[in-house]
Amino acid sequence: MTDEEKITALEQKVKTLQLTYAAALADAVARYGNEGILDKITEQKRAEQTKNGASLAARLGVTEPKQAIENTRDTFGCANFTCADTPNGFEAVATSCTLCAISKRLGKFSPCQLFCLSPFEAMIRGVSPDAEVNVVSTLWDSEKCVIRAKI
């Protein structure tokens, strides 16, 4: 096997792991929703993530607020976020998300807050405590996920 073939095989394995992970998260959201505990779990996880935002950021190599989105995108390969600087922070926009798409096929429960938005906000505030994070829209109920951060 050539080096190029090895790289291609490794990239395919990573994509398979990313898809498997997204499917597991979507399954969890569907099960939590069906059991009527999704809101409770989402709030509990948000509180934990907020408390541990700096350590979560460090685990993903986040040292600047925008990297919360970029490093998550690059690690998990789920949503196709692009980030653009704004005069007072940045805006992140995604037009597709594997987790959201799988969750829509599984039922009526959104994974956005539990598995994306709360961790993003926690990491952003973990490296920039005074940051303001505003979710403009999500792919669950719109054509784009738009997040604005004021740093």
C-alpha atoms as a PDB file:
ATOM      1  CA  MET A   1       0.000   0.000   0.000  1.00  0.00           C
ATOM      2  CA  THR A   2       1.414   3.384  -0.973  1.00  0.00           C
ATOM      3  CA  ASP A   3       1.600   6.289   1.448  1.00  0.00           C
ATOM      4  CA  GLU A   4      -1.216   7.977  -0.452  1.00  0.00           C
ATOM      5  CA  GLU A   5      -3.402   4.867  -0.162  1.00  0.00           C
ATOM      6  CA  LYS A   6      -2.645   4.653   3.567  1.00  0.00           C
ATOM      7  CA  ILE A   7      -3.680   8.276   4.028  1.00  0.00           C
ATOM      8  CA  THR A   8      -6.884   7.709   2.058  1.00  0.00           C
ATOM      9  CA  ALA A   9      -7.683   4.608   4.132  1.00  0.00           C
ATOM     10  CA  LEU A  10      -7.046   6.500   7.362  1.00  0.00           C
ATOM     11  CA  GLU A  11      -9.218   9.410   6.221  1.00  0.00           C
ATOM     12  CA  GLN A  12     -12.024   6.941   5.444  1.00  0.00           C
ATOM     13  CA  LYS A  13     -11.711   5.391   8.905  1.00  0.00           C
ATOM     14  CA  VAL A  14     -11.931   8.826  10.510  1.00  0.00           C
ATOM     15  CA  LYS A  15     -15.049   9.661   8.462  1.00  0.00           C
ATOM     16  CA  THR A  16     -16.617   6.363   9.503  1.00  0.00           C
ATOM     17  CA  LEU A  17     -15.906   7.092  13.175  1.00  0.00           C
ATOM     18  CA  GLN A  18     -17.328  10.615  12.811  1.00  0.00           C
ATOM     19  CA  LEU A  19     -20.521   9.291  11.236  1.00  0.00           C
ATOM     20  CA  THR A  20     -20.853   6.578  13.874  1.00  0.00           C
ATOM     21  CA  TYR A  21     -20.426   9.178  16.622  1.00  0.00           C
ATOM     22  CA  ALA A  22     -23.055  11.482  15.088  1.00  0.00           C
ATOM     23  CA  ALA A  23     -25.471   8.566  14.804  1.00  0.00           C
ATOM     24  CA  ALA A  24     -24.901   7.624  18.458  1.00  0.00           C
ATOM     25  CA  LEU A  25     -25.586  11.201  19.563  1.00  0.00           C
ATOM     26  CA  ALA A  26     -28.739  11.367  17.425  1.00  0.00           C
ATOM     27  CA  ASP A  27     -29.916   8.065  18.912  1.00  0.00           C
ATOM     28  CA  ALA A  28     -29.343   9.414  22.436  1.00  0.00           C
ATOM     29  CA  VAL A  29     -31.364  12.557  21.674  1.00  0.00           C
ATOM     30  CA  ALA A  30     -34.227  10.486  20.279  1.00  0.00           C
ATOM     31  CA  ARG A  31     -34.234   8.193  23.317  1.00  0.00           C
ATOM     32  CA  TYR A  32     -34.025  11.095  25.796  1.00  0.00           C
ATOM     33  CA  GLY A  33     -36.850  12.836  23.945  1.00  0.00           C
ATOM     34  CA  ASN A  34     -39.024   9.744  23.824  1.00  0.00           C
ATOM     35  CA  GLU A  35     -38.528   9.252  27.573  1.00  0.00           C
ATOM     36  CA  GLY A  36     -39.426  12.899  28.265  1.00  0.00           C
ATOM     37  CA  ILE A  37     -36.048  13.737  29.810  1.00  0.00           C
ATOM     38  CA  LEU A  38     -34.297  15.605  26.982  1.00  0.00           C
ATOM     39  CA  ASP A  39     -34.876  19.065  28.484  1.00  0.00           C
ATOM     40  CA  LYS A  40     -33.660  17.952  31.913  1.00  0.00           C
ATOM     41  CA  ILE A  41     -30.507  16.343  30.512  1.00  0.00           C
ATOM     42  CA  THR A  42     -29.850  19.339  28.276  1.00  0.00           C
ATOM     43  CA  GLU A  43     -29.997  21.693  31.275  1.00  0.00           C
ATOM     44  CA  GLN A  44     -27.804  19.429  33.403  1.00  0.00           C
ATOM     45  CA  LYS A  45     -25.199  19.119  30.651  1.00  0.00           C
ATOM     46  CA  ARG A  46     -25.299  22.869  29.991  1.00  0.00           C
ATOM     47  CA  ALA A  47     -24.571  23.573  33.645  1.00  0.00           C
ATOM     48  CA  GLU A  48     -21.691  21.053  33.644  1.00  0.00           C
ATOM     49  CA  GLN A  49     -20.263  22.404  30.404  1.00  0.00           C
ATOM     50  CA  THR A  50     -20.538  26.010  31.581  1.00  0.00           C
ATOM     51  CA  LYS A  51     -18.706  25.127  34.781  1.00  0.00           C
ATOM     52  CA  ASN A  52     -16.003  23.230  32.885  1.00  0.00           C
ATOM     53  CA  GLY A  53     -15.773  25.380  29.748  1.00  0.00           C
ATOM     54  CA  ALA A  54     -12.073  26.171  30.135  1.00  0.00           C
ATOM     55  CA  SER A  55     -11.086  22.519  30.530  1.00  0.00           C
ATOM     56  CA  LEU A  56     -13.332  21.481  27.646  1.00  0.00           C
ATOM     57  CA  ALA A  57     -11.683  24.165  25.518  1.00  0.00           C
ATOM     58  CA  ALA A  58      -8.221  22.974  26.541  1.00  0.00           C
ATOM     59  CA  ARG A  59      -9.044  19.357  25.579  1.00  0.00           C
ATOM     60  CA  LEU A  60      -9.896  20.536  22.066  1.00  0.00           C
ATOM     61  CA  GLY A  61      -6.927  22.894  21.817  1.00  0.00           C
ATOM     62  CA  VAL A  62      -9.097  26.009  21.934  1.00  0.00           C
ATOM     63  CA  THR A  63      -7.151  29.117  22.945  1.00  0.00           C
ATOM     64  CA  GLU A  64      -9.221  31.703  21.039  1.00  0.00           C
ATOM     65  CA  PRO A  65     -13.047  31.909  20.944  1.00  0.00           C
ATOM     66  CA  LYS A  66     -13.438  31.188  17.218  1.00  0.00           C
ATOM     67  CA  GLN A  67     -11.481  27.957  17.646  1.00  0.00           C
ATOM     68  CA  ALA A  68     -14.369  26.525  19.681  1.00  0.00           C
ATOM     69  CA  ILE A  69     -16.278  26.238  16.421  1.00  0.00           C
ATOM     70  CA  GLU A  70     -13.344  25.470  14.127  1.00  0.00           C
ATOM     71  CA  ASN A  71     -11.690  22.811  16.282  1.00  0.00           C
ATOM     72  CA  THR A  72     -15.005  21.081  16.948  1.00  0.00           C
ATOM     73  CA  ARG A  73     -15.766  21.113  13.214  1.00  0.00           C
ATOM     74  CA  ASP A  74     -12.350  19.705  12.379  1.00  0.00           C
ATOM     75  CA  THR A  75     -12.427  17.043  15.100  1.00  0.00           C
ATOM     76  CA  PHE A  76     -15.963  15.734  14.727  1.00  0.00           C
ATOM     77  CA  GLY A  77     -16.597  16.541  11.062  1.00  0.00           C
ATOM     78  CA  CYS A  78     -20.288  17.017  11.707  1.00  0.00           C
ATOM     79  CA  ALA A  79     -21.278  20.523  10.617  1.00  0.00           C
ATOM     80  CA  ASN A  80     -19.618  22.498   7.822  1.00  0.00           C
ATOM     81  CA  PHE A  81     -19.136  25.686   9.845  1.00  0.00           C
ATOM     82  CA  THR A  82     -17.282  28.601   8.340  1.00  0.00           C
ATOM     83  CA  CYS A  83     -16.225  31.457  10.592  1.00  0.00           C
ATOM     84  CA  ALA A  84     -15.831  35.093   9.657  1.00  0.00           C
ATOM     85  CA  ASP A  85     -14.488  37.881  11.806  1.00  0.00           C
ATOM     86  CA  THR A  86     -16.849  40.731  12.640  1.00  0.00           C
ATOM     87  CA  PRO A  87     -15.905  44.115  14.105  1.00  0.00           C
ATOM     88  CA  ASN A  88     -16.575  42.856  17.637  1.00  0.00           C
ATOM     89  CA  GLY A  89     -16.107  39.079  17.389  1.00  0.00           C
ATOM     90  CA  PHE A  90     -17.101  36.488  14.815  1.00  0.00           C
ATOM     91  CA  GLU A  91     -19.996  34.819  13.061  1.00  0.00           C
ATOM     92  CA  ALA A  92     -20.146  31.077  12.398  1.00  0.00           C
ATOM     93  CA  VAL A  93     -22.439  29.680   9.701  1.00  0.00           C
ATOM     94  CA  ALA A  94     -23.204  26.067   8.798  1.00  0.00           C
ATOM     95  CA  THR A  95     -25.380  24.916   5.921  1.00  0.00           C
ATOM     96  CA  SER A  96     -25.242  21.206   6.689  1.00  0.00           C
ATOM     97  CA  CYS A  97     -24.922  19.076   9.802  1.00  0.00           C
ATOM     98  CA  THR A  98     -24.827  15.292   9.931  1.00  0.00           C
ATOM     99  CA  LEU A  99     -26.134  15.147  13.509  1.00  0.00           C
ATOM    100  CA  CYS A 100     -29.106  17.362  12.711  1.00  0.00           C
ATOM    101  CA  ALA A 101     -29.915  15.407   9.549  1.00  0.00           C
ATOM    102  CA  ILE A 102     -29.818  12.037  11.340  1.00  0.00           C
ATOM    103  CA  SER A 103     -31.861  13.408  14.250  1.00  0.00           C
ATOM    104  CA  LYS A 104     -34.546  14.654  11.866  1.00  0.00           C
ATOM    105  CA  ARG A 105     -34.819  11.170  10.390  1.00  0.00           C
ATOM    106  CA  LEU A 106     -35.119   9.643  13.870  1.00  0.00           C
ATOM    107  CA  GLY A 107     -37.859  11.898  15.147  1.00  0.00           C
ATOM    108  CA  LYS A 108     -38.885  15.258  16.447  1.00  0.00           C
ATOM    109  CA  PHE A 109     -36.116  16.077  18.929  1.00  0.00           C
ATOM    110  CA  SER A 110     -33.394  18.611  18.219  1.00  0.00           C
ATOM    111  CA  PRO A 111     -29.811  17.769  19.225  1.00  0.00           C
ATOM    112  CA  CYS A 112     -28.588  21.323  18.721  1.00  0.00           C
ATOM    113  CA  GLN A 113     -28.522  22.699  22.263  1.00  0.00           C
ATOM    114  CA  LEU A 114     -27.314  19.527  23.964  1.00  0.00           C
ATOM    115  CA  PHE A 115     -24.482  18.538  21.674  1.00  0.00           C
ATOM    116  CA  CYS A 116     -23.441  21.714  19.837  1.00  0.00           C
ATOM    117  CA  LEU A 117     -24.631  25.065  21.127  1.00  0.00           C
ATOM    118  CA  SER A 118     -24.003  24.562  24.848  1.00  0.00           C
ATOM    119  CA  PRO A 119     -20.501  23.135  24.325  1.00  0.00           C
ATOM    120  CA  PHE A 120     -19.654  25.942  21.875  1.00  0.00           C
ATOM    121  CA  GLU A 121     -20.808  28.590  24.330  1.00  0.00           C
ATOM    122  CA  ALA A 122     -18.979  26.927  27.228  1.00  0.00           C
ATOM    123  CA  MET A 123     -15.697  26.789  25.316  1.00  0.00           C
ATOM    124  CA  ILE A 124     -16.040  30.343  24.005  1.00  0.00           C
ATOM    125  CA  ARG A 125     -16.673  31.631  27.513  1.00  0.00           C
ATOM    126  CA  GLY A 126     -14.001  29.310  28.855  1.00  0.00           C
ATOM    127  CA  VAL A 127     -11.359  31.264  26.922  1.00  0.00           C
ATOM    128  CA  SER A 128     -13.172  34.624  26.904  1.00  0.00           C
ATOM    129  CA  PRO A 129     -15.379  34.869  30.029  1.00  0.00           C
ATOM    130  CA  ASP A 130     -17.090  38.109  29.008  1.00  0.00           C
ATOM    131  CA  ALA A 131     -18.078  36.858  25.552  1.00  0.00           C
ATOM    132  CA  GLU A 132     -21.709  37.083  24.479  1.00  0.00           C
ATOM    133  CA  VAL A 133     -22.942  34.192  22.352  1.00  0.00           C
ATOM    134  CA  ASN A 134     -26.119  34.559  20.316  1.00  0.00           C
ATOM    135  CA  VAL A 135     -27.713  31.739  18.331  1.00  0.00           C
ATOM    136  CA  VAL A 136     -29.504  33.369  15.419  1.00  0.00           C
ATOM    137  CA  SER A 137     -30.816  30.150  13.855  1.00  0.00           C
ATOM    138  CA  THR A 138     -30.177  26.421  13.710  1.00  0.00           C
ATOM    139  CA  LEU A 139     -30.430  23.845  10.963  1.00  0.00           C
ATOM    140  CA  TRP A 140     -33.161  22.156  12.962  1.00  0.00           C
ATOM    141  CA  ASP A 141     -35.619  24.908  12.061  1.00  0.00           C
ATOM    142  CA  SER A 142     -33.859  26.937   9.380  1.00  0.00           C
ATOM    143  CA  GLU A 143     -31.693  26.612   6.296  1.00  0.00           C
ATOM    144  CA  LYS A 144     -28.582  27.677   8.242  1.00  0.00           C
ATOM    145  CA  CYS A 145     -27.092  27.480  11.670  1.00  0.00           C
ATOM    146  CA  VAL A 146     -25.846  30.953  12.554  1.00  0.00           C
ATOM    147  CA  ILE A 147     -23.965  31.751  15.744  1.00  0.00           C
ATOM    148  CA  ARG A 148     -22.639  35.210  16.579  1.00  0.00           C
ATOM    149  CA  ALA A 149     -20.108  35.860  19.288  1.00  0.00           C
ATOM    150  CA  LYS A 150     -19.272  39.267  20.678  1.00  0.00           C
ATOM    151  CA  ILE A 151     -15.860  39.180  22.277  1.00  0.00           C
END
